[in-house]
Amino acid sequence: MPAKHIRYSESLLGLGGFLLSMLKEPATLDELWMKFEKINNRKLPAYHSFDNVLLALDFLFLIGALNIADTGELHLCD
């Protein structure tokens, strides 16, 4: 039976914050995923799939925290 609450580390909001910290310099989605995959479920308290990473990036783009260059690189907004 599912619980009504989830931990912050399991949420897309928490994942989005972590992804922002990984984007200190521009990176493509593939590069970001490869970096994230190395630490996923080892150093993080919750496992996140590629779908979750993509949804978190979509959320960050929608709120204006992330931008996509013409080259396909993701970078932080000012």
PDB file of N, CA and C in Angstrom:
ATOM      1  N   MET A   1       0.845  -1.176   0.000  1.00  0.00           N
ATOM      2  CA  MET A   1       0.000   0.000   0.000  1.00  0.00           C
ATOM      3  C   MET A   1       0.891   1.240   0.000  1.00  0.00           C
ATOM      4  N   PRO A   2       0.663   2.156  -0.901  1.00  0.00           N
ATOM      5  CA  PRO A   2       1.520   3.341  -0.970  1.00  0.00           C
ATOM      6  C   PRO A   2       1.308   4.279   0.208  1.00  0.00           C
ATOM      7  N   ALA A   3       2.370   4.953   0.569  1.00  0.00           N
ATOM      8  CA  ALA A   3       2.291   5.926   1.653  1.00  0.00           C
ATOM      9  C   ALA A   3       1.834   7.270   1.078  1.00  0.00           C
ATOM     10  N   LYS A   4       1.336   8.125   1.944  1.00  0.00           N
ATOM     11  CA  LYS A   4       0.877   9.435   1.494  1.00  0.00           C
ATOM     12  C   LYS A   4       2.026  10.407   1.308  1.00  0.00           C
ATOM     13  N   HIS A   5       3.137  10.120   1.907  1.00  0.00           N
ATOM     14  CA  HIS A   5       4.266  11.036   1.862  1.00  0.00           C
ATOM     15  C   HIS A   5       5.501  10.319   1.327  1.00  0.00           C
ATOM     16  N   ILE A   6       6.360  11.081   0.665  1.00  0.00           N
ATOM     17  CA  ILE A   6       7.635  10.537   0.226  1.00  0.00           C
ATOM     18  C   ILE A   6       8.748  11.412   0.775  1.00  0.00           C
ATOM     19  N   ARG A   7       9.915  10.849   0.888  1.00  0.00           N
ATOM     20  CA  ARG A   7      11.066  11.615   1.351  1.00  0.00           C
ATOM     21  C   ARG A   7      11.479  12.599   0.261  1.00  0.00           C
ATOM     22  N   TYR A   8      12.110  13.682   0.685  1.00  0.00           N
ATOM     23  CA  TYR A   8      12.576  14.701  -0.253  1.00  0.00           C
ATOM     24  C   TYR A   8      13.541  14.090  -1.262  1.00  0.00           C
ATOM     25  N   SER A   9      14.369  13.178  -0.812  1.00  0.00           N
ATOM     26  CA  SER A   9      15.348  12.553  -1.709  1.00  0.00           C
ATOM     27  C   SER A   9      14.693  11.692  -2.785  1.00  0.00           C
ATOM     28  N   GLU A  10      13.463  11.276  -2.566  1.00  0.00           N
ATOM     29  CA  GLU A  10      12.734  10.468  -3.546  1.00  0.00           C
ATOM     30  C   GLU A  10      11.916  11.321  -4.512  1.00  0.00           C
ATOM     31  N   SER A  11      11.803  12.612  -4.237  1.00  0.00           N
ATOM     32  CA  SER A  11      10.948  13.485  -5.035  1.00  0.00           C
ATOM     33  C   SER A  11      11.676  14.041  -6.250  1.00  0.00           C
ATOM     34  N   LEU A  12      10.908  14.470  -7.246  1.00  0.00           N
ATOM     35  CA  LEU A  12      11.487  15.111  -8.419  1.00  0.00           C
ATOM     36  C   LEU A  12      12.061  16.476  -8.055  1.00  0.00           C
ATOM     37  N   LEU A  13      11.479  17.118  -7.074  1.00  0.00           N
ATOM     38  CA  LEU A  13      11.994  18.406  -6.609  1.00  0.00           C
ATOM     39  C   LEU A  13      13.387  18.247  -6.004  1.00  0.00           C
ATOM     40  N   GLY A  14      13.535  17.242  -5.159  1.00  0.00           N
ATOM     41  CA  GLY A  14      14.850  16.970  -4.581  1.00  0.00           C
ATOM     42  C   GLY A  14      15.863  16.555  -5.626  1.00  0.00           C
ATOM     43  N   LEU A  15      15.441  15.736  -6.558  1.00  0.00           N
ATOM     44  CA  LEU A  15      16.323  15.317  -7.648  1.00  0.00           C
ATOM     45  C   LEU A  15      16.728  16.516  -8.496  1.00  0.00           C
ATOM     46  N   GLY A  16      15.783  17.417  -8.762  1.00  0.00           N
ATOM     47  CA  GLY A  16      16.094  18.616  -9.529  1.00  0.00           C
ATOM     48  C   GLY A  16      17.146  19.474  -8.859  1.00  0.00           C
ATOM     49  N   GLY A  17      17.048  19.631  -7.553  1.00  0.00           N
ATOM     50  CA  GLY A  17      18.066  20.383  -6.818  1.00  0.00           C
ATOM     51  C   GLY A  17      19.432  19.736  -6.933  1.00  0.00           C
ATOM     52  N   PHE A  18      19.459  18.424  -6.863  1.00  0.00           N
ATOM     53  CA  PHE A  18      20.739  17.714  -6.986  1.00  0.00           C
ATOM     54  C   PHE A  18      21.302  17.869  -8.396  1.00  0.00           C
ATOM     55  N   LEU A  19      20.451  17.786  -9.409  1.00  0.00           N
ATOM     56  CA  LEU A  19      20.914  17.943 -10.796  1.00  0.00           C
ATOM     57  C   LEU A  19      21.453  19.348 -11.038  1.00  0.00           C
ATOM     58  N   LEU A  20      20.825  20.346 -10.429  1.00  0.00           N
ATOM     59  CA  LEU A  20      21.342  21.710 -10.551  1.00  0.00           C
ATOM     60  C   LEU A  20      22.760  21.810  -9.995  1.00  0.00           C
ATOM     61  N   SER A  21      23.011  21.123  -8.908  1.00  0.00           N
ATOM     62  CA  SER A  21      24.357  21.159  -8.320  1.00  0.00           C
ATOM     63  C   SER A  21      25.379  20.449  -9.208  1.00  0.00           C
ATOM     64  N   MET A  22      24.923  19.539 -10.050  1.00  0.00           N
ATOM     65  CA  MET A  22      25.826  18.830 -10.962  1.00  0.00           C
ATOM     66  C   MET A  22      26.125  19.639 -12.228  1.00  0.00           C
ATOM     67  N   LEU A  23      25.322  20.662 -12.496  1.00  0.00           N
ATOM     68  CA  LEU A  23      25.472  21.441 -13.720  1.00  0.00           C
ATOM     69  C   LEU A  23      26.281  22.721 -13.482  1.00  0.00           C
ATOM     70  N   LYS A  24      27.443  22.583 -12.905  1.00  0.00           N
ATOM     71  CA  LYS A  24      28.284  23.756 -12.680  1.00  0.00           C
ATOM     72  C   LYS A  24      28.843  24.274 -13.994  1.00  0.00           C
ATOM     73  N   GLU A  25      28.970  23.401 -14.963  1.00  0.00           N
ATOM     74  CA  GLU A  25      29.347  23.798 -16.313  1.00  0.00           C
ATOM     75  C   GLU A  25      28.403  23.105 -17.280  1.00  0.00           C
ATOM     76  N   PRO A  26      28.147  23.702 -18.440  1.00  0.00           N
ATOM     77  CA  PRO A  26      27.187  23.122 -19.390  1.00  0.00           C
ATOM     78  C   PRO A  26      27.522  21.673 -19.766  1.00  0.00           C
ATOM     79  N   ALA A  27      26.477  20.886 -19.941  1.00  0.00           N
ATOM     80  CA  ALA A  27      26.640  19.473 -20.302  1.00  0.00           C
ATOM     81  C   ALA A  27      25.424  19.033 -21.109  1.00  0.00           C
ATOM     82  N   THR A  28      25.615  18.056 -21.958  1.00  0.00           N
ATOM     83  CA  THR A  28      24.486  17.480 -22.687  1.00  0.00           C
ATOM     84  C   THR A  28      23.732  16.537 -21.757  1.00  0.00           C
ATOM     85  N   LEU A  29      22.564  16.127 -22.180  1.00  0.00           N
ATOM     86  CA  LEU A  29      21.770  15.194 -21.391  1.00  0.00           C
ATOM     87  C   LEU A  29      22.529  13.886 -21.191  1.00  0.00           C
ATOM     88  N   ASP A  30      23.162  13.404 -22.239  1.00  0.00           N
ATOM     89  CA  ASP A  30      23.935  12.157 -22.128  1.00  0.00           C
ATOM     90  C   ASP A  30      25.076  12.291 -21.132  1.00  0.00           C
ATOM     91  N   GLU A  31      25.797  13.410 -21.181  1.00  0.00           N
ATOM     92  CA  GLU A  31      26.912  13.626 -20.246  1.00  0.00           C
ATOM     93  C   GLU A  31      26.409  13.704 -18.812  1.00  0.00           C
ATOM     94  N   LEU A  32      25.313  14.427 -18.613  1.00  0.00           N
ATOM     95  CA  LEU A  32      24.745  14.549 -17.276  1.00  0.00           C
ATOM     96  C   LEU A  32      24.284  13.189 -16.761  1.00  0.00           C
ATOM     97  N   TRP A  33      23.622  12.404 -17.601  1.00  0.00           N
ATOM     98  CA  TRP A  33      23.153  11.082 -17.200  1.00  0.00           C
ATOM     99  C   TRP A  33      24.325  10.170 -16.836  1.00  0.00           C
ATOM    100  N   MET A  34      25.397  10.219 -17.625  1.00  0.00           N
ATOM    101  CA  MET A  34      26.550   9.365 -17.339  1.00  0.00           C
ATOM    102  C   MET A  34      27.176   9.735 -15.987  1.00  0.00           C
ATOM    103  N   LYS A  35      27.265  11.023 -15.684  1.00  0.00           N
ATOM    104  CA  LYS A  35      27.791  11.445 -14.373  1.00  0.00           C
ATOM    105  C   LYS A  35      26.853  11.022 -13.256  1.00  0.00           C
ATOM    106  N   PHE A  36      25.542  11.207 -13.491  1.00  0.00           N
ATOM    107  CA  PHE A  36      24.560  10.870 -12.474  1.00  0.00           C
ATOM    108  C   PHE A  36      24.500   9.370 -12.229  1.00  0.00           C
ATOM    109  N   GLU A  37      24.584   8.601 -13.294  1.00  0.00           N
ATOM    110  CA  GLU A  37      24.474   7.142 -13.196  1.00  0.00           C
ATOM    111  C   GLU A  37      25.595   6.546 -12.336  1.00  0.00           C
ATOM    112  N   LYS A  38      26.767   7.182 -12.345  1.00  0.00           N
ATOM    113  CA  LYS A  38      27.886   6.681 -11.547  1.00  0.00           C
ATOM    114  C   LYS A  38      27.625   6.778 -10.049  1.00  0.00           C
ATOM    115  N   ILE A  39      26.844   7.766  -9.633  1.00  0.00           N
ATOM    116  CA  ILE A  39      26.598   7.938  -8.199  1.00  0.00           C
ATOM    117  C   ILE A  39      25.182   7.533  -7.785  1.00  0.00           C
ATOM    118  N   ASN A  40      24.313   7.291  -8.757  1.00  0.00           N
ATOM    119  CA  ASN A  40      22.934   6.919  -8.468  1.00  0.00           C
ATOM    120  C   ASN A  40      22.907   5.619  -7.664  1.00  0.00           C
ATOM    121  N   ASN A  41      22.196   5.648  -6.554  1.00  0.00           N
ATOM    122  CA  ASN A  41      22.009   4.487  -5.674  1.00  0.00           C
ATOM    123  C   ASN A  41      23.282   4.073  -4.937  1.00  0.00           C
ATOM    124  N   ARG A  42      24.366   4.814  -5.082  1.00  0.00           N
ATOM    125  CA  ARG A  42      25.574   4.547  -4.303  1.00  0.00           C
ATOM    126  C   ARG A  42      25.748   5.620  -3.242  1.00  0.00           C
ATOM    127  N   LYS A  43      25.681   6.859  -3.684  1.00  0.00           N
ATOM    128  CA  LYS A  43      25.863   7.979  -2.770  1.00  0.00           C
ATOM    129  C   LYS A  43      24.547   8.678  -2.449  1.00  0.00           C
ATOM    130  N   LEU A  44      23.512   8.356  -3.179  1.00  0.00           N
ATOM    131  CA  LEU A  44      22.213   8.984  -2.973  1.00  0.00           C
ATOM    132  C   LEU A  44      21.305   8.050  -2.184  1.00  0.00           C
ATOM    133  N   PRO A  45      20.436   8.610  -1.341  1.00  0.00           N
ATOM    134  CA  PRO A  45      19.551   7.748  -0.539  1.00  0.00           C
ATOM    135  C   PRO A  45      18.416   7.102  -1.323  1.00  0.00           C
ATOM    136  N   ALA A  46      18.153   7.567  -2.543  1.00  0.00           N
ATOM    137  CA  ALA A  46      17.063   7.000  -3.341  1.00  0.00           C
ATOM    138  C   ALA A  46      17.528   6.797  -4.779  1.00  0.00           C
ATOM    139  N   TYR A  47      17.076   5.728  -5.390  1.00  0.00           N
ATOM    140  CA  TYR A  47      17.399   5.450  -6.789  1.00  0.00           C
ATOM    141  C   TYR A  47      16.456   6.253  -7.687  1.00  0.00           C
ATOM    142  N   HIS A  48      16.998   6.812  -8.774  1.00  0.00           N
ATOM    143  CA  HIS A  48      16.184   7.519  -9.757  1.00  0.00           C
ATOM    144  C   HIS A  48      16.501   6.981 -11.142  1.00  0.00           C
ATOM    145  N   SER A  49      15.458   6.712 -11.896  1.00  0.00           N
ATOM    146  CA  SER A  49      15.615   6.213 -13.270  1.00  0.00           C
ATOM    147  C   SER A  49      15.885   7.379 -14.217  1.00  0.00           C
ATOM    148  N   PHE A  50      16.193   7.045 -15.464  1.00  0.00           N
ATOM    149  CA  PHE A  50      16.396   8.057 -16.490  1.00  0.00           C
ATOM    150  C   PHE A  50      15.122   8.879 -16.682  1.00  0.00           C
ATOM    151  N   ASP A  51      13.967   8.213 -16.600  1.00  0.00           N
ATOM    152  CA  ASP A  51      12.687   8.922 -16.731  1.00  0.00           C
ATOM    153  C   ASP A  51      12.546   9.992 -15.658  1.00  0.00           C
ATOM    154  N   ASN A  52      12.917   9.664 -14.423  1.00  0.00           N
ATOM    155  CA  ASN A  52      12.850  10.644 -13.339  1.00  0.00           C
ATOM    156  C   ASN A  52      13.794  11.810 -13.592  1.00  0.00           C
ATOM    157  N   VAL A  53      14.988  11.526 -14.074  1.00  0.00           N
ATOM    158  CA  VAL A  53      15.949  12.585 -14.376  1.00  0.00           C
ATOM    159  C   VAL A  53      15.373  13.498 -15.456  1.00  0.00           C
ATOM    160  N   LEU A  54      14.783  12.916 -16.472  1.00  0.00           N
ATOM    161  CA  LEU A  54      14.196  13.704 -17.550  1.00  0.00           C
ATOM    162  C   LEU A  54      13.032  14.557 -17.050  1.00  0.00           C
ATOM    163  N   LEU A  55      12.188  13.989 -16.204  1.00  0.00           N
ATOM    164  CA  LEU A  55      11.073  14.758 -15.640  1.00  0.00           C
ATOM    165  C   LEU A  55      11.572  15.894 -14.755  1.00  0.00           C
ATOM    166  N   ALA A  56      12.612  15.660 -13.981  1.00  0.00           N
ATOM    167  CA  ALA A  56      13.178  16.709 -13.130  1.00  0.00           C
ATOM    168  C   ALA A  56      13.782  17.825 -13.988  1.00  0.00           C
ATOM    169  N   LEU A  57      14.442  17.463 -15.081  1.00  0.00           N
ATOM    170  CA  LEU A  57      14.998  18.469 -15.988  1.00  0.00           C
ATOM    171  C   LEU A  57      13.879  19.261 -16.667  1.00  0.00           C
ATOM    172  N   ASP A  58      12.803  18.595 -17.033  1.00  0.00           N
ATOM    173  CA  ASP A  58      11.641  19.301 -17.600  1.00  0.00           C
ATOM    174  C   ASP A  58      11.105  20.321 -16.604  1.00  0.00           C
ATOM    175  N   PHE A  59      10.984  19.926 -15.359  1.00  0.00           N
ATOM    176  CA  PHE A  59      10.503  20.825 -14.309  1.00  0.00           C
ATOM    177  C   PHE A  59      11.429  22.031 -14.164  1.00  0.00           C
ATOM    178  N   LEU A  60      12.739  21.788 -14.146  1.00  0.00           N
ATOM    179  CA  LEU A  60      13.701  22.881 -14.013  1.00  0.00           C
ATOM    180  C   LEU A  60      13.622  23.838 -15.204  1.00  0.00           C
ATOM    181  N   PHE A  61      13.397  23.302 -16.385  1.00  0.00           N
ATOM    182  CA  PHE A  61      13.242  24.137 -17.573  1.00  0.00           C
ATOM    183  C   PHE A  61      11.975  24.983 -17.468  1.00  0.00           C
ATOM    184  N   LEU A  62      10.891  24.371 -17.012  1.00  0.00           N
ATOM    185  CA  LEU A  62       9.614  25.087 -16.914  1.00  0.00           C
ATOM    186  C   LEU A  62       9.652  26.228 -15.909  1.00  0.00           C
ATOM    187  N   ILE A  63      10.398  26.078 -14.840  1.00  0.00           N
ATOM    188  CA  ILE A  63      10.457  27.151 -13.835  1.00  0.00           C
ATOM    189  C   ILE A  63      11.561  28.156 -14.142  1.00  0.00           C
ATOM    190  N   GLY A  64      12.291  27.956 -15.235  1.00  0.00           N
ATOM    191  CA  GLY A  64      13.303  28.914 -15.649  1.00  0.00           C
ATOM    192  C   GLY A  64      14.642  28.778 -14.959  1.00  0.00           C
ATOM    193  N   ALA A  65      14.915  27.633 -14.366  1.00  0.00           N
ATOM    194  CA  ALA A  65      16.198  27.412 -13.695  1.00  0.00           C
ATOM    195  C   ALA A  65      17.232  26.816 -14.633  1.00  0.00           C
ATOM    196  N   LEU A  66      16.791  26.329 -15.767  1.00  0.00           N
ATOM    197  CA  LEU A  66      17.649  25.603 -16.692  1.00  0.00           C
ATOM    198  C   LEU A  66      17.322  26.055 -18.108  1.00  0.00           C
ATOM    199  N   ASN A  67      18.334  26.122 -18.938  1.00  0.00           N
ATOM    200  CA  ASN A  67      18.126  26.477 -20.331  1.00  0.00           C
ATOM    201  C   ASN A  67      18.851  25.483 -21.220  1.00  0.00           C
ATOM    202  N   ILE A  68      18.402  25.385 -22.463  1.00  0.00           N
ATOM    203  CA  ILE A  68      19.009  24.468 -23.423  1.00  0.00           C
ATOM    204  C   ILE A  68      19.580  25.295 -24.565  1.00  0.00           C
ATOM    205  N   ALA A  69      20.871  25.169 -24.800  1.00  0.00           N
ATOM    206  CA  ALA A  69      21.530  25.895 -25.885  1.00  0.00           C
ATOM    207  C   ALA A  69      21.200  25.226 -27.220  1.00  0.00           C
ATOM    208  N   ASP A  70      21.482  25.937 -28.301  1.00  0.00           N
ATOM    209  CA  ASP A  70      21.253  25.378 -29.639  1.00  0.00           C
ATOM    210  C   ASP A  70      22.086  24.125 -29.881  1.00  0.00           C
ATOM    211  N   THR A  71      23.194  24.003 -29.151  1.00  0.00           N
ATOM    212  CA  THR A  71      24.060  22.833 -29.288  1.00  0.00           C
ATOM    213  C   THR A  71      23.524  21.632 -28.505  1.00  0.00           C
ATOM    214  N   GLY A  72      22.454  21.833 -27.729  1.00  0.00           N
ATOM    215  CA  GLY A  72      21.879  20.752 -26.937  1.00  0.00           C
ATOM    216  C   GLY A  72      22.424  20.679 -25.529  1.00  0.00           C
ATOM    217  N   GLU A  73      23.299  21.598 -25.172  1.00  0.00           N
ATOM    218  CA  GLU A  73      23.852  21.595 -23.816  1.00  0.00           C
ATOM    219  C   GLU A  73      22.900  22.245 -22.833  1.00  0.00           C
ATOM    220  N   LEU A  74      22.817  21.663 -21.668  1.00  0.00           N
ATOM    221  CA  LEU A  74      22.012  22.208 -20.580  1.00  0.00           C
ATOM    222  C   LEU A  74      22.903  23.139 -19.763  1.00  0.00           C
ATOM    223  N   HIS A  75      22.353  24.272 -19.395  1.00  0.00           N
ATOM    224  CA  HIS A  75      23.116  25.172 -18.541  1.00  0.00           C
ATOM    225  C   HIS A  75      22.169  25.932 -17.621  1.00  0.00           C
ATOM    226  N   LEU A  76      22.709  26.395 -16.511  1.00  0.00           N
ATOM    227  CA  LEU A  76      21.912  27.118 -15.528  1.00  0.00           C
ATOM    228  C   LEU A  76      21.560  28.492 -16.031  1.00  0.00           C
ATOM    229  N   CYS A  77      20.382  28.970 -15.665  1.00  0.00           N
ATOM    230  CA  CYS A  77      19.978  30.333 -15.992  1.00  0.00           C
ATOM    231  C   CYS A  77      20.509  31.274 -14.911  1.00  0.00           C
ATOM    232  N   ASP A  78      20.712  32.505 -15.318  1.00  0.00           N
ATOM    233  CA  ASP A  78      21.197  33.509 -14.345  1.00  0.00           C
ATOM    234  C   ASP A  78      20.117  33.958 -13.424  1.00  0.00           C
TER     235      ASP A  78
END
